[in-house]
Amino acid sequence: MILQFGGREIKEKDLYERIQQIWIEGYGKKAEELKSLKVYVKPEEFTAYYVINDDVTGSIDL
């Protein structure tokens, strides 16, 4: 998936990689501990919200 808005282009793969990096570096977890990931994109807020393993939540700027 590629999301285009406001002259920007965001690739789904890039979002998942950024969130996985947060999981590993920010939470000190291993990549294989990330079992599920849900991402909700709100282009009007330039933000992607995520839920990892149905427990950990957060957001990243697009």
C-alpha atoms as a PDB file:
ATOM      1  CA  MET A   1       0.000   0.000   0.000  1.00  0.00           C
ATOM      2  CA  ILE A   2       1.143   3.533  -0.761  1.00  0.00           C
ATOM      3  CA  LEU A   3      -0.656   6.487   0.782  1.00  0.00           C
ATOM      4  CA  GLN A   4      -0.483   9.760  -1.130  1.00  0.00           C
ATOM      5  CA  PHE A   5      -1.630  13.014   0.427  1.00  0.00           C
ATOM      6  CA  GLY A   6      -0.552  16.624   0.622  1.00  0.00           C
ATOM      7  CA  GLY A   7       2.238  16.085  -1.883  1.00  0.00           C
ATOM      8  CA  ARG A   8       3.702  13.254   0.206  1.00  0.00           C
ATOM      9  CA  GLU A   9       3.959   9.538  -0.391  1.00  0.00           C
ATOM     10  CA  ILE A  10       4.109   7.056   2.496  1.00  0.00           C
ATOM     11  CA  LYS A  11       4.787   3.365   1.905  1.00  0.00           C
ATOM     12  CA  GLU A  12       3.253   0.756   4.184  1.00  0.00           C
ATOM     13  CA  LYS A  13       6.596  -1.066   4.372  1.00  0.00           C
ATOM     14  CA  ASP A  14       8.333   2.088   5.636  1.00  0.00           C
ATOM     15  CA  LEU A  15       5.761   2.552   8.415  1.00  0.00           C
ATOM     16  CA  TYR A  16       6.143  -1.048   9.572  1.00  0.00           C
ATOM     17  CA  GLU A  17       9.948  -0.746   9.569  1.00  0.00           C
ATOM     18  CA  ARG A  18       9.853   2.461  11.629  1.00  0.00           C
ATOM     19  CA  ILE A  19       7.484   0.925  14.163  1.00  0.00           C
ATOM     20  CA  GLN A  20       9.585  -2.227  14.393  1.00  0.00           C
ATOM     21  CA  GLN A  21      12.628  -0.036  15.067  1.00  0.00           C
ATOM     22  CA  ILE A  22      10.737   1.647  17.931  1.00  0.00           C
ATOM     23  CA  TRP A  23       9.834  -1.811  19.280  1.00  0.00           C
ATOM     24  CA  ILE A  24      13.471  -2.907  19.253  1.00  0.00           C
ATOM     25  CA  GLU A  25      15.271   0.292  20.264  1.00  0.00           C
ATOM     26  CA  GLY A  26      12.583   2.071  22.281  1.00  0.00           C
ATOM     27  CA  TYR A  27      11.221  -0.904  24.197  1.00  0.00           C
ATOM     28  CA  GLY A  28      14.341  -3.080  24.182  1.00  0.00           C
ATOM     29  CA  LYS A  29      12.481  -5.992  22.599  1.00  0.00           C
ATOM     30  CA  LYS A  30      13.561  -8.506  19.971  1.00  0.00           C
ATOM     31  CA  ALA A  31      12.066  -8.415  16.480  1.00  0.00           C
ATOM     32  CA  GLU A  32      10.626 -11.910  16.894  1.00  0.00           C
ATOM     33  CA  GLU A  33       8.685 -10.751  19.980  1.00  0.00           C
ATOM     34  CA  LEU A  34       6.558  -8.541  17.724  1.00  0.00           C
ATOM     35  CA  LYS A  35       3.704 -10.955  17.013  1.00  0.00           C
ATOM     36  CA  SER A  36       1.020  -8.582  15.703  1.00  0.00           C
ATOM     37  CA  LEU A  37       0.927  -5.002  14.505  1.00  0.00           C
ATOM     38  CA  LYS A  38      -2.080  -2.856  13.640  1.00  0.00           C
ATOM     39  CA  VAL A  39      -1.554   0.568  12.095  1.00  0.00           C
ATOM     40  CA  TYR A  40      -4.178   3.304  11.797  1.00  0.00           C
ATOM     41  CA  VAL A  41      -3.204   6.222   9.554  1.00  0.00           C
ATOM     42  CA  LYS A  42      -4.782   9.667   9.959  1.00  0.00           C
ATOM     43  CA  PRO A  43      -3.446  11.741   7.057  1.00  0.00           C
ATOM     44  CA  GLU A  44      -5.207  14.886   8.260  1.00  0.00           C
ATOM     45  CA  GLU A  45      -3.116  14.683  11.460  1.00  0.00           C
ATOM     46  CA  PHE A  46       0.060  13.515   9.649  1.00  0.00           C
ATOM     47  CA  THR A  47       0.130  10.672  12.195  1.00  0.00           C
ATOM     48  CA  ALA A  48       0.081   6.877  12.231  1.00  0.00           C
ATOM     49  CA  TYR A  49      -1.154   5.171  15.398  1.00  0.00           C
ATOM     50  CA  TYR A  50      -0.070   1.623  16.175  1.00  0.00           C
ATOM     51  CA  VAL A  51      -0.961  -1.285  18.441  1.00  0.00           C
ATOM     52  CA  ILE A  52       1.690  -3.949  18.996  1.00  0.00           C
ATOM     53  CA  ASN A  53       0.702  -7.389  20.294  1.00  0.00           C
ATOM     54  CA  ASP A  54      -2.742  -6.018  21.267  1.00  0.00           C
ATOM     55  CA  ASP A  55      -1.044  -4.265  24.198  1.00  0.00           C
ATOM     56  CA  VAL A  56       1.537  -1.589  23.375  1.00  0.00           C
ATOM     57  CA  THR A  57       0.233   1.586  21.727  1.00  0.00           C
ATOM     58  CA  GLY A  58       1.877   4.647  20.302  1.00  0.00           C
ATOM     59  CA  SER A  59       2.098   6.966  17.344  1.00  0.00           C
ATOM     60  CA  ILE A  60       4.592   8.266  14.824  1.00  0.00           C
ATOM     61  CA  ASP A  61       4.630  11.337  12.634  1.00  0.00           C
ATOM     62  CA  LEU A  62       4.279  10.731   8.922  1.00  0.00           C
END
